[in-house]
Amino acid sequence: MGEPRTFPVVVEKGEYNFSAYSPDLPGCVTTGSTLEETLKNMKEAIIFHLQGLEEDSRPIPSSSTVDARLLTVG
């Protein structure tokens, strides 16, 4: 797969589990029972997604996110 790449991942807590997606990789999503499991699953999903792009001779997108933070307001 070439040199390492970094992609942003958004993790959301649901009532019974967690879900995650990468804004730069549409359709690349996963879930897990715990945060740790969800992040592990997301890493595997990104690898699988990138392999599919390469097999289809499609370009691998560059990361569009330069920073992500949790902000407390109010």
Protein backbone atom coordinates (compact mmCIF):
# COMPACT_ATOMS: atom_id res chain seq x y z
CA MET A 1 0.00 0.00 0.00
CA GLY A 2 2.95 2.33 -0.08
CA GLU A 3 3.91 4.83 2.58
CA PRO A 4 1.79 5.32 5.71
CA ARG A 5 -1.15 7.70 5.43
CA THR A 6 -3.23 9.41 8.07
CA PHE A 7 -7.00 9.77 7.84
CA PRO A 8 -9.39 11.49 10.25
CA VAL A 9 -11.90 9.25 11.99
CA VAL A 10 -15.11 10.36 13.67
CA VAL A 11 -16.37 8.11 16.47
CA GLU A 12 -19.90 8.44 17.78
CA LYS A 13 -21.29 6.81 20.91
CA GLY A 14 -24.66 5.19 20.47
CA GLU A 15 -26.98 3.83 23.10
CA TYR A 16 -25.45 0.33 22.96
CA ASN A 17 -22.25 0.63 20.90
CA PHE A 18 -19.90 2.94 19.02
CA SER A 19 -19.76 3.72 15.31
CA ALA A 20 -16.99 5.31 13.28
CA TYR A 21 -16.38 6.72 9.82
CA SER A 22 -13.75 8.66 7.92
CA PRO A 23 -14.98 11.82 6.14
CA ASP A 24 -12.25 11.38 3.51
CA LEU A 25 -13.28 7.81 2.65
CA PRO A 26 -17.01 7.77 1.85
CA GLY A 27 -18.57 4.44 2.68
CA CYS A 28 -15.78 3.41 5.04
CA VAL A 29 -17.65 2.78 8.29
CA THR A 30 -17.62 0.35 11.21
CA THR A 31 -19.07 -0.32 14.65
CA GLY A 32 -17.87 -1.90 17.88
CA SER A 33 -18.94 -2.66 21.42
CA THR A 34 -16.18 -0.52 22.93
CA LEU A 35 -14.19 2.50 21.80
CA GLU A 36 -11.05 0.36 21.53
CA GLU A 37 -12.82 -2.29 19.44
CA THR A 38 -14.31 0.38 17.19
CA LEU A 39 -10.92 2.00 16.54
CA LYS A 40 -9.37 -1.42 15.80
CA ASN A 41 -12.22 -2.21 13.42
CA MET A 42 -11.88 1.19 11.76
CA LYS A 43 -8.17 0.68 11.10
CA GLU A 44 -8.99 -2.66 9.46
CA ALA A 45 -11.83 -1.05 7.47
CA ILE A 46 -9.54 1.72 6.19
CA ILE A 47 -6.89 -0.80 5.11
CA PHE A 48 -9.55 -2.87 3.31
CA HIS A 49 -11.03 0.27 1.71
CA LEU A 50 -7.63 1.47 0.44
CA GLN A 51 -6.84 -1.98 -0.96
CA GLY A 52 -10.12 -1.88 -2.86
CA LEU A 53 -9.31 1.54 -4.30
CA GLU A 54 -5.89 0.29 -5.42
CA GLU A 55 -7.35 -2.87 -7.00
CA ASP A 56 -9.84 -0.73 -8.92
CA SER A 57 -7.04 1.66 -9.99
CA ARG A 58 -8.83 4.51 -8.26
CA PRO A 59 -6.88 7.31 -6.58
CA ILE A 60 -6.40 7.28 -2.83
CA PRO A 61 -7.66 10.61 -1.50
CA SER A 62 -5.48 12.90 0.52
CA SER A 63 -6.64 13.79 3.99
CA SER A 64 -8.68 17.00 3.93
CA THR A 65 -8.71 17.43 7.69
CA VAL A 66 -5.93 19.50 9.21
CA ASP A 67 -7.11 19.42 12.82
CA ALA A 68 -9.89 17.95 14.92
CA ARG A 69 -10.70 18.81 18.50
CA LEU A 70 -13.41 18.48 21.07
CA LEU A 71 -14.61 21.92 22.12
CA THR A 72 -16.55 22.61 25.29
CA VAL A 73 -19.06 25.46 25.05
CA GLY A 74 -21.55 27.01 27.39
